[in-house]
């Protein structure tokens, strides 16, 4: 999807010139790599009762914003 307007771009994301969700995901992935995201949780691997192995990961996701949160940001743009 296209990004029309940035309201906040987080901490550590250099999003200058990024105008698509694909670009944002790539930028966030690079930021996680540079921040050694692996070190946040360490190695997580387990066997579950369904017989499958699972890993725990740290990730960046794009989700629809809660309208109350959007209103708060628009009402208080200086708070980052």
PDB file of N, CA and C in Angstrom:
ATOM      1  N   UNK A   1       0.836  -1.177   0.000  1.00  0.00           N
ATOM      2  CA  UNK A   1       0.000   0.000   0.000  1.00  0.00           C
ATOM      3  C   UNK A   1       0.881   1.240   0.000  1.00  0.00           C
ATOM      4  N   UNK A   2       0.336   2.351  -0.443  1.00  0.00           N
ATOM      5  CA  UNK A   2       1.069   3.623  -0.463  1.00  0.00           C
ATOM      6  C   UNK A   2       0.907   4.345   0.868  1.00  0.00           C
ATOM      7  N   UNK A   3       1.965   4.961   1.332  1.00  0.00           N
ATOM      8  CA  UNK A   3       1.931   5.804   2.527  1.00  0.00           C
ATOM      9  C   UNK A   3       1.705   7.230   2.046  1.00  0.00           C
ATOM     10  N   UNK A   4       0.627   7.837   2.514  1.00  0.00           N
ATOM     11  CA  UNK A   4       0.249   9.179   2.064  1.00  0.00           C
ATOM     12  C   UNK A   4       0.909  10.262   2.921  1.00  0.00           C
ATOM     13  N   UNK A   5       0.945  10.055   4.253  1.00  0.00           N
ATOM     14  CA  UNK A   5       1.485  11.076   5.159  1.00  0.00           C
ATOM     15  C   UNK A   5       2.002  10.398   6.417  1.00  0.00           C
ATOM     16  N   UNK A   6       3.221  10.752   6.835  1.00  0.00           N
ATOM     17  CA  UNK A   6       3.782  10.258   8.084  1.00  0.00           C
ATOM     18  C   UNK A   6       3.302  11.133   9.225  1.00  0.00           C
ATOM     19  N   UNK A   7       2.788  10.544  10.295  1.00  0.00           N
ATOM     20  CA  UNK A   7       2.450  11.276  11.505  1.00  0.00           C
ATOM     21  C   UNK A   7       3.563  11.115  12.540  1.00  0.00           C
ATOM     22  N   UNK A   8       4.084   9.924  12.647  1.00  0.00           N
ATOM     23  CA  UNK A   8       5.241   9.621  13.492  1.00  0.00           C
ATOM     24  C   UNK A   8       6.003   8.497  12.808  1.00  0.00           C
ATOM     25  N   UNK A   9       7.313   8.527  12.913  1.00  0.00           N
ATOM     26  CA  UNK A   9       8.087   7.464  12.261  1.00  0.00           C
ATOM     27  C   UNK A   9       8.942   6.680  13.242  1.00  0.00           C
ATOM     28  N   UNK A  10       8.548   6.679  14.515  1.00  0.00           N
ATOM     29  CA  UNK A  10       9.204   5.826  15.499  1.00  0.00           C
ATOM     30  C   UNK A  10      10.589   6.290  15.881  1.00  0.00           C
ATOM     31  N   UNK A  11      11.267   5.453  16.616  1.00  0.00           N
ATOM     32  CA  UNK A  11      12.637   5.717  17.054  1.00  0.00           C
ATOM     33  C   UNK A  11      13.569   4.815  16.262  1.00  0.00           C
ATOM     34  N   UNK A  12      14.515   5.405  15.594  1.00  0.00           N
ATOM     35  CA  UNK A  12      15.510   4.606  14.912  1.00  0.00           C
ATOM     36  C   UNK A  12      15.161   4.221  13.486  1.00  0.00           C
ATOM     37  N   UNK A  13      13.949   4.525  13.035  1.00  0.00           N
ATOM     38  CA  UNK A  13      13.603   4.240  11.639  1.00  0.00           C
ATOM     39  C   UNK A  13      13.959   5.465  10.809  1.00  0.00           C
ATOM     40  N   UNK A  14      14.827   5.298   9.863  1.00  0.00           N
ATOM     41  CA  UNK A  14      15.148   6.369   8.930  1.00  0.00           C
ATOM     42  C   UNK A  14      14.244   6.179   7.730  1.00  0.00           C
ATOM     43  N   UNK A  15      13.071   6.768   7.789  1.00  0.00           N
ATOM     44  CA  UNK A  15      12.050   6.506   6.785  1.00  0.00           C
ATOM     45  C   UNK A  15      11.981   7.579   5.711  1.00  0.00           C
ATOM     46  N   UNK A  16      12.981   8.448   5.641  1.00  0.00           N
ATOM     47  CA  UNK A  16      12.990   9.477   4.602  1.00  0.00           C
ATOM     48  C   UNK A  16      12.883   8.820   3.227  1.00  0.00           C
ATOM     49  N   UNK A  17      11.917   9.264   2.456  1.00  0.00           N
ATOM     50  CA  UNK A  17      11.746   8.756   1.105  1.00  0.00           C
ATOM     51  C   UNK A  17      10.948   7.470   1.011  1.00  0.00           C
ATOM     52  N   UNK A  18      10.587   6.876   2.133  1.00  0.00           N
ATOM     53  CA  UNK A  18       9.793   5.642   2.089  1.00  0.00           C
ATOM     54  C   UNK A  18       8.328   6.019   1.939  1.00  0.00           C
ATOM     55  N   UNK A  19       7.691   5.468   0.911  1.00  0.00           N
ATOM     56  CA  UNK A  19       6.288   5.806   0.674  1.00  0.00           C
ATOM     57  C   UNK A  19       5.409   4.591   0.389  1.00  0.00           C
ATOM     58  N   UNK A  20       5.923   3.396   0.714  1.00  0.00           N
ATOM     59  CA  UNK A  20       5.113   2.182   0.563  1.00  0.00           C
ATOM     60  C   UNK A  20       5.270   1.318   1.810  1.00  0.00           C
ATOM     61  N   UNK A  21       4.282   0.456   2.042  1.00  0.00           N
ATOM     62  CA  UNK A  21       4.377  -0.463   3.171  1.00  0.00           C
ATOM     63  C   UNK A  21       5.534  -1.435   2.982  1.00  0.00           C
ATOM     64  N   UNK A  22       5.810  -1.809   1.750  1.00  0.00           N
ATOM     65  CA  UNK A  22       6.927  -2.707   1.481  1.00  0.00           C
ATOM     66  C   UNK A  22       8.251  -2.054   1.881  1.00  0.00           C
ATOM     67  N   UNK A  23       8.396  -0.771   1.552  1.00  0.00           N
ATOM     68  CA  UNK A  23       9.598  -0.028   1.933  1.00  0.00           C
ATOM     69  C   UNK A  23       9.721   0.097   3.436  1.00  0.00           C
ATOM     70  N   UNK A  24       8.590   0.322   4.106  1.00  0.00           N
ATOM     71  CA  UNK A  24       8.589   0.428   5.563  1.00  0.00           C
ATOM     72  C   UNK A  24       9.010  -0.890   6.199  1.00  0.00           C
ATOM     73  N   UNK A  25       8.481  -2.001   5.698  1.00  0.00           N
ATOM     74  CA  UNK A  25       8.852  -3.307   6.244  1.00  0.00           C
ATOM     75  C   UNK A  25      10.342  -3.581   6.056  1.00  0.00           C
ATOM     76  N   UNK A  26      10.881  -3.193   4.913  1.00  0.00           N
ATOM     77  CA  UNK A  26      12.312  -3.367   4.667  1.00  0.00           C
ATOM     78  C   UNK A  26      13.125  -2.494   5.619  1.00  0.00           C
ATOM     79  N   UNK A  27      12.700  -1.241   5.786  1.00  0.00           N
ATOM     80  CA  UNK A  27      13.381  -0.309   6.693  1.00  0.00           C
ATOM     81  C   UNK A  27      13.343  -0.843   8.126  1.00  0.00           C
ATOM     82  N   UNK A  28      12.188  -1.321   8.561  1.00  0.00           N
ATOM     83  CA  UNK A  28      12.044  -1.851   9.920  1.00  0.00           C
ATOM     84  C   UNK A  28      12.887  -3.110  10.098  1.00  0.00           C
ATOM     85  N   UNK A  29      12.919  -3.953   9.090  1.00  0.00           N
ATOM     86  CA  UNK A  29      13.745  -5.156   9.160  1.00  0.00           C
ATOM     87  C   UNK A  29      15.212  -4.812   9.320  1.00  0.00           C
ATOM     88  N   UNK A  30      15.668  -3.816   8.574  1.00  0.00           N
ATOM     89  CA  UNK A  30      17.064  -3.371   8.701  1.00  0.00           C
ATOM     90  C   UNK A  30      17.329  -2.809  10.092  1.00  0.00           C
ATOM     91  N   UNK A  31      16.361  -2.037  10.624  1.00  0.00           N
ATOM     92  CA  UNK A  31      16.531  -1.475  11.967  1.00  0.00           C
ATOM     93  C   UNK A  31      16.606  -2.589  13.009  1.00  0.00           C
ATOM     94  N   UNK A  32      15.774  -3.616  12.865  1.00  0.00           N
ATOM     95  CA  UNK A  32      15.818  -4.740  13.796  1.00  0.00           C
ATOM     96  C   UNK A  32      17.156  -5.471  13.700  1.00  0.00           C
ATOM     97  N   UNK A  33      17.651  -5.666  12.482  1.00  0.00           N
ATOM     98  CA  UNK A  33      18.952  -6.308  12.306  1.00  0.00           C
ATOM     99  C   UNK A  33      20.054  -5.481  12.963  1.00  0.00           C
ATOM    100  N   UNK A  34      20.030  -4.164  12.736  1.00  0.00           N
ATOM    101  CA  UNK A  34      21.058  -3.282  13.284  1.00  0.00           C
ATOM    102  C   UNK A  34      20.982  -3.186  14.801  1.00  0.00           C
ATOM    103  N   UNK A  35      19.785  -3.422  15.362  1.00  0.00           N
ATOM    104  CA  UNK A  35      19.611  -3.336  16.805  1.00  0.00           C
ATOM    105  C   UNK A  35      19.873  -4.683  17.480  1.00  0.00           C
ATOM    106  N   UNK A  36      20.327  -5.652  16.695  1.00  0.00           N
ATOM    107  CA  UNK A  36      20.566  -7.001  17.220  1.00  0.00           C
ATOM    108  C   UNK A  36      19.301  -7.535  17.888  1.00  0.00           C
ATOM    109  N   UNK A  37      18.184  -7.500  17.151  1.00  0.00           N
ATOM    110  CA  UNK A  37      16.887  -7.920  17.677  1.00  0.00           C
ATOM    111  C   UNK A  37      16.936  -9.327  18.265  1.00  0.00           C
ATOM    112  N   UNK A  38      17.821 -10.144  17.745  1.00  0.00           N
ATOM    113  CA  UNK A  38      17.986 -11.497  18.284  1.00  0.00           C
ATOM    114  C   UNK A  38      18.280 -11.449  19.783  1.00  0.00           C
ATOM    115  N   UNK A  39      19.036 -10.421  20.203  1.00  0.00           N
ATOM    116  CA  UNK A  39      19.434 -10.318  21.606  1.00  0.00           C
ATOM    117  C   UNK A  39      18.289  -9.919  22.531  1.00  0.00           C
ATOM    118  N   UNK A  40      17.195  -9.420  21.990  1.00  0.00           N
ATOM    119  CA  UNK A  40      16.071  -9.006  22.841  1.00  0.00           C
ATOM    120  C   UNK A  40      15.524 -10.202  23.614  1.00  0.00           C
ATOM    121  N   UNK A  41      15.294 -11.301  22.933  1.00  0.00           N
ATOM    122  CA  UNK A  41      14.703 -12.474  23.561  1.00  0.00           C
ATOM    123  C   UNK A  41      15.679 -13.641  23.659  1.00  0.00           C
ATOM    124  N   UNK A  42      16.750 -13.596  22.901  1.00  0.00           N
ATOM    125  CA  UNK A  42      17.624 -14.756  22.840  1.00  0.00           C
ATOM    126  C   UNK A  42      16.992 -15.826  21.966  1.00  0.00           C
ATOM    127  N   UNK A  43      17.553 -17.006  21.993  1.00  0.00           N
ATOM    128  CA  UNK A  43      17.055 -18.090  21.153  1.00  0.00           C
ATOM    129  C   UNK A  43      15.864 -18.758  21.832  1.00  0.00           C
ATOM    130  N   UNK A  44      14.741 -18.804  21.115  1.00  0.00           N
ATOM    131  CA  UNK A  44      13.529 -19.430  21.634  1.00  0.00           C
ATOM    132  C   UNK A  44      13.123 -20.538  20.667  1.00  0.00           C
ATOM    133  N   UNK A  45      13.154 -21.770  21.132  1.00  0.00           N
ATOM    134  CA  UNK A  45      12.776 -22.929  20.324  1.00  0.00           C
ATOM    135  C   UNK A  45      12.160 -23.950  21.258  1.00  0.00           C
ATOM    136  N   UNK A  46      10.998 -24.471  20.876  1.00  0.00           N
ATOM    137  CA  UNK A  46      10.377 -25.466  21.742  1.00  0.00           C
ATOM    138  C   UNK A  46       9.557 -26.469  20.937  1.00  0.00           C
ATOM    139  N   UNK A  47       9.366 -27.645  21.537  1.00  0.00           N
ATOM    140  CA  UNK A  47       8.519 -28.692  20.987  1.00  0.00           C
ATOM    141  C   UNK A  47       7.185 -28.612  21.700  1.00  0.00           C
ATOM    142  N   UNK A  48       6.114 -28.547  20.940  1.00  0.00           N
ATOM    143  CA  UNK A  48       4.775 -28.447  21.521  1.00  0.00           C
ATOM    144  C   UNK A  48       4.095 -29.814  21.532  1.00  0.00           C
ATOM    145  N   UNK A  49       2.965 -29.878  22.235  1.00  0.00           N
ATOM    146  CA  UNK A  49       2.253 -31.152  22.345  1.00  0.00           C
ATOM    147  C   UNK A  49       1.632 -31.618  21.030  1.00  0.00           C
ATOM    148  N   UNK A  50       1.672 -30.767  19.995  1.00  0.00           N
ATOM    149  CA  UNK A  50       1.190 -31.202  18.677  1.00  0.00           C
ATOM    150  C   UNK A  50       2.297 -31.868  17.863  1.00  0.00           C
ATOM    151  N   UNK A  51       3.481 -32.017  18.469  1.00  0.00           N
ATOM    152  CA  UNK A  51       4.595 -32.678  17.809  1.00  0.00           C
ATOM    153  C   UNK A  51       5.416 -31.771  16.910  1.00  0.00           C
ATOM    154  N   UNK A  52       5.084 -30.501  16.852  1.00  0.00           N
ATOM    155  CA  UNK A  52       5.799 -29.550  15.995  1.00  0.00           C
ATOM    156  C   UNK A  52       6.748 -28.707  16.837  1.00  0.00           C
ATOM    157  N   UNK A  53       7.795 -28.233  16.152  1.00  0.00           N
ATOM    158  CA  UNK A  53       8.750 -27.325  16.784  1.00  0.00           C
ATOM    159  C   UNK A  53       8.373 -25.880  16.425  1.00  0.00           C
ATOM    160  N   UNK A  54       8.519 -24.972  17.372  1.00  0.00           N
ATOM    161  CA  UNK A  54       8.188 -23.567  17.172  1.00  0.00           C
ATOM    162  C   UNK A  54       9.356 -22.697  17.623  1.00  0.00           C
ATOM    163  N   UNK A  55       9.517 -21.551  16.963  1.00  0.00           N
ATOM    164  CA  UNK A  55      10.524 -20.570  17.353  1.00  0.00           C
ATOM    165  C   UNK A  55       9.821 -19.281  17.751  1.00  0.00           C
ATOM    166  N   UNK A  56      10.425 -18.551  18.663  1.00  0.00           N
ATOM    167  CA  UNK A  56       9.940 -17.222  19.023  1.00  0.00           C
ATOM    168  C   UNK A  56      10.748 -16.192  18.266  1.00  0.00           C
ATOM    169  N   UNK A  57      10.074 -15.189  17.720  1.00  0.00           N
ATOM    170  CA  UNK A  57      10.761 -14.169  16.938  1.00  0.00           C
ATOM    171  C   UNK A  57      10.311 -12.773  17.366  1.00  0.00           C
ATOM    172  N   UNK A  58      11.143 -11.802  17.076  1.00  0.00           N
ATOM    173  CA  UNK A  58      10.802 -10.396  17.243  1.00  0.00           C
ATOM    174  C   UNK A  58      10.551  -9.857  15.846  1.00  0.00           C
ATOM    175  N   UNK A  59       9.432  -9.171  15.661  1.00  0.00           N
ATOM    176  CA  UNK A  59       9.091  -8.703  14.324  1.00  0.00           C
ATOM    177  C   UNK A  59       8.419  -7.344  14.359  1.00  0.00           C
ATOM    178  N   UNK A  60       8.327  -6.739  13.205  1.00  0.00           N
ATOM    179  CA  UNK A  60       7.617  -5.480  13.011  1.00  0.00           C
ATOM    180  C   UNK A  60       6.399  -5.792  12.149  1.00  0.00           C
ATOM    181  N   UNK A  61       5.228  -5.373  12.594  1.00  0.00           N
ATOM    182  CA  UNK A  61       4.003  -5.634  11.850  1.00  0.00           C
ATOM    183  C   UNK A  61       3.288  -4.320  11.563  1.00  0.00           C
ATOM    184  N   UNK A  62       2.588  -4.265  10.456  1.00  0.00           N
ATOM    185  CA  UNK A  62       1.743  -3.121  10.134  1.00  0.00           C
ATOM    186  C   UNK A  62       0.306  -3.538  10.395  1.00  0.00           C
ATOM    187  N   UNK A  63      -0.360  -2.838  11.305  1.00  0.00           N
ATOM    188  CA  UNK A  63      -1.743  -3.136  11.687  1.00  0.00           C
ATOM    189  C   UNK A  63      -2.564  -1.854  11.616  1.00  0.00           C
ATOM    190  N   UNK A  64      -3.862  -1.992  11.419  1.00  0.00           N
ATOM    191  CA  UNK A  64      -4.727  -0.816  11.399  1.00  0.00           C
ATOM    192  C   UNK A  64      -4.713  -0.160  12.777  1.00  0.00           C
ATOM    193  N   UNK A  65      -4.587   1.167  12.795  1.00  0.00           N
ATOM    194  CA  UNK A  65      -4.482   1.914  14.048  1.00  0.00           C
ATOM    195  C   UNK A  65      -5.840   2.062  14.716  1.00  0.00           C
ATOM    196  N   UNK A  66      -5.829   1.999  16.037  1.00  0.00           N
ATOM    197  CA  UNK A  66      -7.023   2.250  16.833  1.00  0.00           C
ATOM    198  C   UNK A  66      -7.397   3.722  16.676  1.00  0.00           C
ATOM    199  N   UNK A  67      -8.656   4.036  16.352  1.00  0.00           N
ATOM    200  CA  UNK A  67      -9.067   5.430  16.141  1.00  0.00           C
ATOM    201  C   UNK A  67      -8.779   6.340  17.339  1.00  0.00           C
ATOM    202  N   UNK A  68      -8.872   5.832  18.551  1.00  0.00           N
ATOM    203  CA  UNK A  68      -8.590   6.636  19.739  1.00  0.00           C
ATOM    204  C   UNK A  68      -7.114   7.045  19.772  1.00  0.00           C
ATOM    205  N   UNK A  69      -6.236   6.115  19.401  1.00  0.00           N
ATOM    206  CA  UNK A  69      -4.806   6.420  19.344  1.00  0.00           C
ATOM    207  C   UNK A  69      -4.524   7.481  18.283  1.00  0.00           C
ATOM    208  N   UNK A  70      -5.137   7.348  17.112  1.00  0.00           N
ATOM    209  CA  UNK A  70      -4.936   8.323  16.033  1.00  0.00           C
ATOM    210  C   UNK A  70      -5.386   9.703  16.490  1.00  0.00           C
ATOM    211  N   UNK A  71      -6.546   9.779  17.116  1.00  0.00           N
ATOM    212  CA  UNK A  71      -7.065  11.066  17.600  1.00  0.00           C
ATOM    213  C   UNK A  71      -6.104  11.679  18.610  1.00  0.00           C
ATOM    214  N   UNK A  72      -5.567  10.862  19.515  1.00  0.00           N
ATOM    215  CA  UNK A  72      -4.627  11.361  20.515  1.00  0.00           C
ATOM    216  C   UNK A  72      -3.368  11.921  19.862  1.00  0.00           C
ATOM    217  N   UNK A  73      -2.851  11.215  18.860  1.00  0.00           N
ATOM    218  CA  UNK A  73      -1.653  11.696  18.144  1.00  0.00           C
ATOM    219  C   UNK A  73      -1.955  13.001  17.418  1.00  0.00           C
ATOM    220  N   UNK A  74      -3.086  13.069  16.751  1.00  0.00           N
ATOM    221  CA  UNK A  74      -3.436  14.295  16.021  1.00  0.00           C
ATOM    222  C   UNK A  74      -3.678  15.467  16.966  1.00  0.00           C
ATOM    223  N   UNK A  75      -4.217  15.175  18.160  1.00  0.00           N
ATOM    224  CA  UNK A  75      -4.465  16.229  19.147  1.00  0.00           C
ATOM    225  C   UNK A  75      -3.196  16.670  19.863  1.00  0.00           C
ATOM    226  N   UNK A  76      -2.162  15.833  19.866  1.00  0.00           N
ATOM    227  CA  UNK A  76      -0.919  16.118  20.588  1.00  0.00           C
ATOM    228  C   UNK A  76       0.284  15.805  19.700  1.00  0.00           C
ATOM    229  N   UNK A  77       0.452  16.507  18.597  1.00  0.00           N
ATOM    230  CA  UNK A  77       1.503  16.162  17.638  1.00  0.00           C
ATOM    231  C   UNK A  77       2.926  16.348  18.179  1.00  0.00           C
ATOM    232  N   UNK A  78       3.106  17.180  19.199  1.00  0.00           N
ATOM    233  CA  UNK A  78       4.454  17.433  19.705  1.00  0.00           C
ATOM    234  C   UNK A  78       4.960  16.326  20.601  1.00  0.00           C
ATOM    235  N   UNK A  79       4.111  15.433  21.083  1.00  0.00           N
ATOM    236  CA  UNK A  79       4.518  14.354  21.970  1.00  0.00           C
ATOM    237  C   UNK A  79       4.980  13.152  21.155  1.00  0.00           C
ATOM    238  N   UNK A  80       6.282  12.949  21.090  1.00  0.00           N
ATOM    239  CA  UNK A  80       6.823  11.777  20.369  1.00  0.00           C
ATOM    240  C   UNK A  80       7.650  10.948  21.286  1.00  0.00           C
TER     241      UNK A  80
END
